[in-house]
N, C-alpha and C. Protein backbone atom coordinates (compact mmCIF):
# COMPACT_ATOMS: atom_id res chain seq x y z
N VAL A 1 0.83 -1.17 0.01
CA VAL A 1 0.03 0.01 0.02
C VAL A 1 0.86 1.27 -0.04
N ARG A 2 1.87 1.28 0.83
CA ARG A 2 2.71 2.47 0.94
C ARG A 2 3.52 2.68 -0.32
N TYR A 3 4.01 1.56 -0.86
CA TYR A 3 4.81 1.66 -2.12
C TYR A 3 3.92 2.20 -3.24
N LEU A 4 2.73 1.61 -3.40
CA LEU A 4 1.86 2.10 -4.44
C LEU A 4 1.39 3.57 -4.24
N ALA A 5 1.16 3.93 -2.98
CA ALA A 5 0.77 5.33 -2.72
C ALA A 5 1.88 6.27 -3.10
N GLN A 6 3.14 5.90 -2.79
CA GLN A 6 4.31 6.75 -3.15
C GLN A 6 4.46 6.80 -4.63
N SER A 7 4.30 5.66 -5.30
CA SER A 7 4.47 5.64 -6.77
C SER A 7 3.33 6.35 -7.53
N LEU A 8 2.14 6.22 -7.11
CA LEU A 8 0.97 6.76 -7.83
C LEU A 8 0.54 8.16 -7.37
N GLY A 9 1.00 8.56 -6.20
CA GLY A 9 0.63 9.83 -5.66
C GLY A 9 0.88 10.98 -6.62
N PRO A 10 2.04 11.11 -7.29
CA PRO A 10 2.25 12.19 -8.20
C PRO A 10 1.22 12.36 -9.31
N ARG A 11 0.49 11.27 -9.57
CA ARG A 11 -0.55 11.30 -10.62
C ARG A 11 -1.93 11.62 -9.98
N GLY A 12 -1.91 11.89 -8.68
CA GLY A 12 -3.16 12.15 -7.99
C GLY A 12 -4.02 10.96 -7.59
N ILE A 13 -3.35 9.84 -7.63
CA ILE A 13 -4.03 8.58 -7.30
C ILE A 13 -3.71 8.25 -5.82
N ARG A 14 -4.80 8.03 -5.08
CA ARG A 14 -4.69 7.65 -3.64
C ARG A 14 -4.74 6.12 -3.57
N VAL A 15 -3.98 5.54 -2.66
CA VAL A 15 -3.99 4.08 -2.44
C VAL A 15 -4.14 3.82 -0.98
N ASN A 16 -5.22 3.12 -0.65
CA ASN A 16 -5.45 2.75 0.77
C ASN A 16 -6.02 1.31 0.80
N ALA A 17 -6.03 0.69 1.94
CA ALA A 17 -6.54 -0.65 2.10
C ALA A 17 -7.42 -0.73 3.34
N VAL A 18 -8.33 -1.72 3.31
CA VAL A 18 -9.16 -1.93 4.44
C VAL A 18 -8.87 -3.39 4.92
N SER A 19 -8.54 -3.55 6.20
CA SER A 19 -8.31 -4.87 6.74
C SER A 19 -9.39 -5.15 7.69
N ALA A 20 -10.30 -6.09 7.24
CA ALA A 20 -11.49 -6.42 8.05
C ALA A 20 -11.31 -7.50 9.00
N GLY A 21 -12.03 -7.46 10.06
CA GLY A 21 -12.06 -8.61 10.99
C GLY A 21 -12.89 -9.73 10.42
N PRO A 22 -13.00 -10.87 11.11
CA PRO A 22 -13.79 -11.96 10.59
C PRO A 22 -15.25 -11.58 10.53
N ILE A 23 -15.89 -11.99 9.46
CA ILE A 23 -17.26 -11.72 9.18
C ILE A 23 -17.91 -12.98 8.70
N LYS A 24 -19.11 -13.34 9.23
CA LYS A 24 -19.83 -14.51 8.80
C LYS A 24 -20.40 -14.27 7.40
N THR A 25 -19.87 -14.97 6.47
CA THR A 25 -20.31 -14.94 5.07
C THR A 25 -20.47 -16.37 4.54
N LEU A 26 -21.07 -16.51 3.42
CA LEU A 26 -21.16 -17.79 2.77
C LEU A 26 -19.77 -18.37 2.55
N ALA A 27 -18.86 -17.53 2.04
CA ALA A 27 -17.53 -18.01 1.75
C ALA A 27 -16.78 -18.46 3.06
N ALA A 28 -17.02 -17.67 4.13
CA ALA A 28 -16.32 -18.00 5.38
C ALA A 28 -16.85 -19.29 6.00
N SER A 29 -18.03 -19.73 5.64
CA SER A 29 -18.58 -20.97 6.16
C SER A 29 -17.79 -22.14 5.76
N GLY A 30 -16.92 -22.01 4.77
CA GLY A 30 -16.07 -23.12 4.32
C GLY A 30 -14.76 -23.20 5.05
N ILE A 31 -14.49 -22.24 5.96
CA ILE A 31 -13.24 -22.23 6.71
C ILE A 31 -13.39 -23.12 7.96
N ALA A 32 -12.53 -24.01 8.11
CA ALA A 32 -12.57 -24.89 9.33
C ALA A 32 -12.46 -24.05 10.59
N ASP A 33 -13.30 -24.45 11.53
CA ASP A 33 -13.29 -23.77 12.88
C ASP A 33 -13.55 -22.22 12.80
N PHE A 34 -14.26 -21.77 11.74
CA PHE A 34 -14.48 -20.38 11.66
C PHE A 34 -15.33 -19.80 12.81
N ASP A 35 -16.28 -20.59 13.31
CA ASP A 35 -17.03 -20.18 14.50
C ASP A 35 -16.14 -19.91 15.71
N LYS A 36 -15.11 -20.69 15.86
CA LYS A 36 -14.13 -20.44 16.95
C LYS A 36 -13.42 -19.13 16.73
N MET A 37 -13.03 -18.82 15.48
CA MET A 37 -12.41 -17.52 15.18
C MET A 37 -13.34 -16.36 15.55
N ILE A 38 -14.62 -16.49 15.16
CA ILE A 38 -15.59 -15.44 15.45
C ILE A 38 -15.74 -15.24 16.92
N GLY A 39 -15.85 -16.35 17.64
CA GLY A 39 -15.98 -16.25 19.11
C GLY A 39 -14.74 -15.64 19.75
N PHE A 40 -13.58 -16.07 19.35
CA PHE A 40 -12.32 -15.53 19.88
C PHE A 40 -12.29 -13.98 19.64
N ASN A 41 -12.59 -13.56 18.45
CA ASN A 41 -12.60 -12.15 18.15
C ASN A 41 -13.56 -11.39 18.99
N GLU A 42 -14.75 -11.96 19.23
CA GLU A 42 -15.72 -11.27 20.03
C GLU A 42 -15.32 -11.12 21.48
N ARG A 43 -14.61 -12.11 22.04
CA ARG A 43 -14.14 -12.07 23.40
C ARG A 43 -12.97 -11.18 23.58
N HIS A 44 -12.09 -10.97 22.57
CA HIS A 44 -10.85 -10.28 22.79
C HIS A 44 -10.69 -8.92 22.09
N ALA A 45 -11.54 -8.64 21.15
CA ALA A 45 -11.43 -7.30 20.46
C ALA A 45 -11.80 -6.23 21.44
N ALA A 46 -11.27 -5.05 21.26
CA ALA A 46 -11.47 -3.94 22.12
C ALA A 46 -13.02 -3.59 22.29
N LEU A 47 -13.74 -3.69 21.17
CA LEU A 47 -15.14 -3.42 21.30
C LEU A 47 -15.96 -4.59 21.75
N ARG A 48 -15.35 -5.75 21.99
CA ARG A 48 -16.00 -7.00 22.38
C ARG A 48 -17.21 -7.38 21.51
N ARG A 49 -16.96 -7.20 20.19
CA ARG A 49 -17.99 -7.67 19.26
C ARG A 49 -17.28 -7.83 17.95
N ASN A 50 -17.98 -8.45 16.99
CA ASN A 50 -17.52 -8.58 15.63
C ASN A 50 -18.03 -7.44 14.83
N VAL A 51 -17.34 -7.11 13.74
CA VAL A 51 -17.85 -6.06 12.91
C VAL A 51 -18.82 -6.63 11.85
N THR A 52 -19.50 -5.78 11.17
CA THR A 52 -20.47 -6.13 10.19
C THR A 52 -19.97 -5.80 8.73
N ILE A 53 -20.59 -6.45 7.78
CA ILE A 53 -20.23 -6.13 6.39
C ILE A 53 -20.48 -4.64 6.15
N GLU A 54 -21.53 -4.11 6.67
CA GLU A 54 -21.87 -2.70 6.51
C GLU A 54 -20.73 -1.78 7.05
N GLU A 55 -20.19 -2.12 8.23
CA GLU A 55 -19.13 -1.33 8.78
C GLU A 55 -17.90 -1.35 7.88
N VAL A 56 -17.55 -2.45 7.32
CA VAL A 56 -16.42 -2.54 6.47
C VAL A 56 -16.70 -1.75 5.19
N GLY A 57 -17.91 -1.84 4.62
CA GLY A 57 -18.29 -1.04 3.49
C GLY A 57 -18.25 0.45 3.74
N ASN A 58 -18.72 0.85 4.94
CA ASN A 58 -18.69 2.23 5.29
C ASN A 58 -17.29 2.81 5.30
N ALA A 59 -16.37 2.00 5.84
CA ALA A 59 -14.99 2.48 5.89
C ALA A 59 -14.42 2.60 4.43
N ALA A 60 -14.73 1.64 3.58
CA ALA A 60 -14.27 1.73 2.21
C ALA A 60 -14.89 2.86 1.51
N ALA A 61 -16.17 3.11 1.72
CA ALA A 61 -16.82 4.27 1.05
C ALA A 61 -16.14 5.53 1.52
N PHE A 62 -15.86 5.67 2.78
CA PHE A 62 -15.21 6.90 3.31
C PHE A 62 -13.86 7.08 2.62
N LEU A 63 -13.07 6.04 2.53
CA LEU A 63 -11.72 6.14 1.93
C LEU A 63 -11.82 6.54 0.46
N CYS A 64 -12.89 6.13 -0.20
CA CYS A 64 -13.07 6.47 -1.60
C CYS A 64 -13.64 7.83 -1.85
N SER A 65 -14.16 8.43 -0.82
CA SER A 65 -14.88 9.72 -0.92
C SER A 65 -13.95 10.93 -0.82
N ASP A 66 -14.47 12.11 -1.16
CA ASP A 66 -13.69 13.30 -1.03
C ASP A 66 -13.37 13.66 0.40
N LEU A 67 -14.10 13.09 1.33
CA LEU A 67 -13.83 13.33 2.73
C LEU A 67 -12.45 12.79 3.13
N ALA A 68 -11.90 11.85 2.38
CA ALA A 68 -10.60 11.26 2.64
C ALA A 68 -9.57 11.66 1.61
N SER A 69 -9.79 12.84 0.98
CA SER A 69 -8.93 13.25 -0.10
C SER A 69 -7.50 13.45 0.26
N GLY A 70 -7.17 13.63 1.56
CA GLY A 70 -5.82 13.79 1.99
C GLY A 70 -5.22 12.54 2.58
N ILE A 71 -5.86 11.42 2.44
CA ILE A 71 -5.37 10.20 3.02
C ILE A 71 -4.92 9.25 1.92
N THR A 72 -3.65 8.81 2.07
CA THR A 72 -3.10 7.78 1.14
C THR A 72 -2.02 6.95 1.87
N GLY A 73 -1.84 5.78 1.36
CA GLY A 73 -0.83 4.89 1.97
C GLY A 73 -1.19 4.29 3.31
N GLU A 74 -2.45 4.21 3.57
CA GLU A 74 -2.90 3.75 4.90
C GLU A 74 -3.62 2.44 4.84
N ILE A 75 -3.54 1.67 5.89
CA ILE A 75 -4.32 0.48 6.07
C ILE A 75 -5.30 0.78 7.21
N THR A 76 -6.54 0.73 6.94
CA THR A 76 -7.59 1.01 7.91
C THR A 76 -8.12 -0.31 8.47
N TYR A 77 -7.96 -0.52 9.72
CA TYR A 77 -8.45 -1.77 10.39
C TYR A 77 -9.88 -1.61 10.80
N VAL A 78 -10.75 -2.44 10.31
CA VAL A 78 -12.14 -2.44 10.68
C VAL A 78 -12.38 -3.84 11.31
N ASP A 79 -11.94 -3.94 12.59
CA ASP A 79 -11.95 -5.24 13.23
C ASP A 79 -12.34 -5.16 14.71
N GLY A 80 -12.99 -4.04 15.09
CA GLY A 80 -13.38 -3.86 16.45
C GLY A 80 -12.25 -3.65 17.44
N GLY A 81 -11.05 -3.41 16.89
CA GLY A 81 -9.89 -3.18 17.76
C GLY A 81 -9.07 -4.43 17.98
N MET A 82 -9.40 -5.45 17.31
CA MET A 82 -8.68 -6.76 17.50
C MET A 82 -7.21 -6.63 17.22
N ASN A 83 -6.79 -5.81 16.22
CA ASN A 83 -5.40 -5.67 15.84
C ASN A 83 -4.57 -5.03 16.94
N ILE A 84 -5.20 -4.33 17.88
CA ILE A 84 -4.48 -3.68 18.96
C ILE A 84 -4.49 -4.40 20.31
N THR A 85 -5.46 -5.38 20.39
CA THR A 85 -5.60 -5.95 21.73
C THR A 85 -5.27 -7.42 21.88
N ALA A 86 -5.35 -8.20 20.79
CA ALA A 86 -5.33 -9.67 21.00
C ALA A 86 -4.14 -10.34 20.50
N ALA A 87 -3.08 -9.64 20.13
CA ALA A 87 -1.87 -10.29 19.61
C ALA A 87 -1.32 -11.22 20.66
N GLY A 88 -1.11 -12.50 20.28
CA GLY A 88 -0.52 -13.40 21.20
C GLY A 88 -1.47 -14.09 22.16
N GLN A 89 -2.72 -13.71 22.20
CA GLN A 89 -3.68 -14.37 23.08
C GLN A 89 -4.14 -15.66 22.52
N ILE A 90 -4.20 -16.64 23.39
CA ILE A 90 -4.76 -18.01 23.00
C ILE A 90 -5.79 -18.43 23.99
N ASP A 91 -6.90 -18.93 23.47
CA ASP A 91 -7.90 -19.50 24.36
C ASP A 91 -7.68 -20.98 24.59
């Protein structure tokens, strides 16, 4: 993301990414022990809940909008705070 943002910035192109937490979807139902992942996230994320597809979409829409015109090279975590709280935790 940062490399592309640096490379494409002079052309006025912004590059950002969204890193979502686990979300129950049809595709996710094929992942072994996915329910355990969902439960772990809910217990350990800062917000003590899982995020929704709508929340991830809202973050992406914001990053694509003019409201984020000065943002580039960033990874936005939409995971209820899991990325800051649960590293190394094991149930």
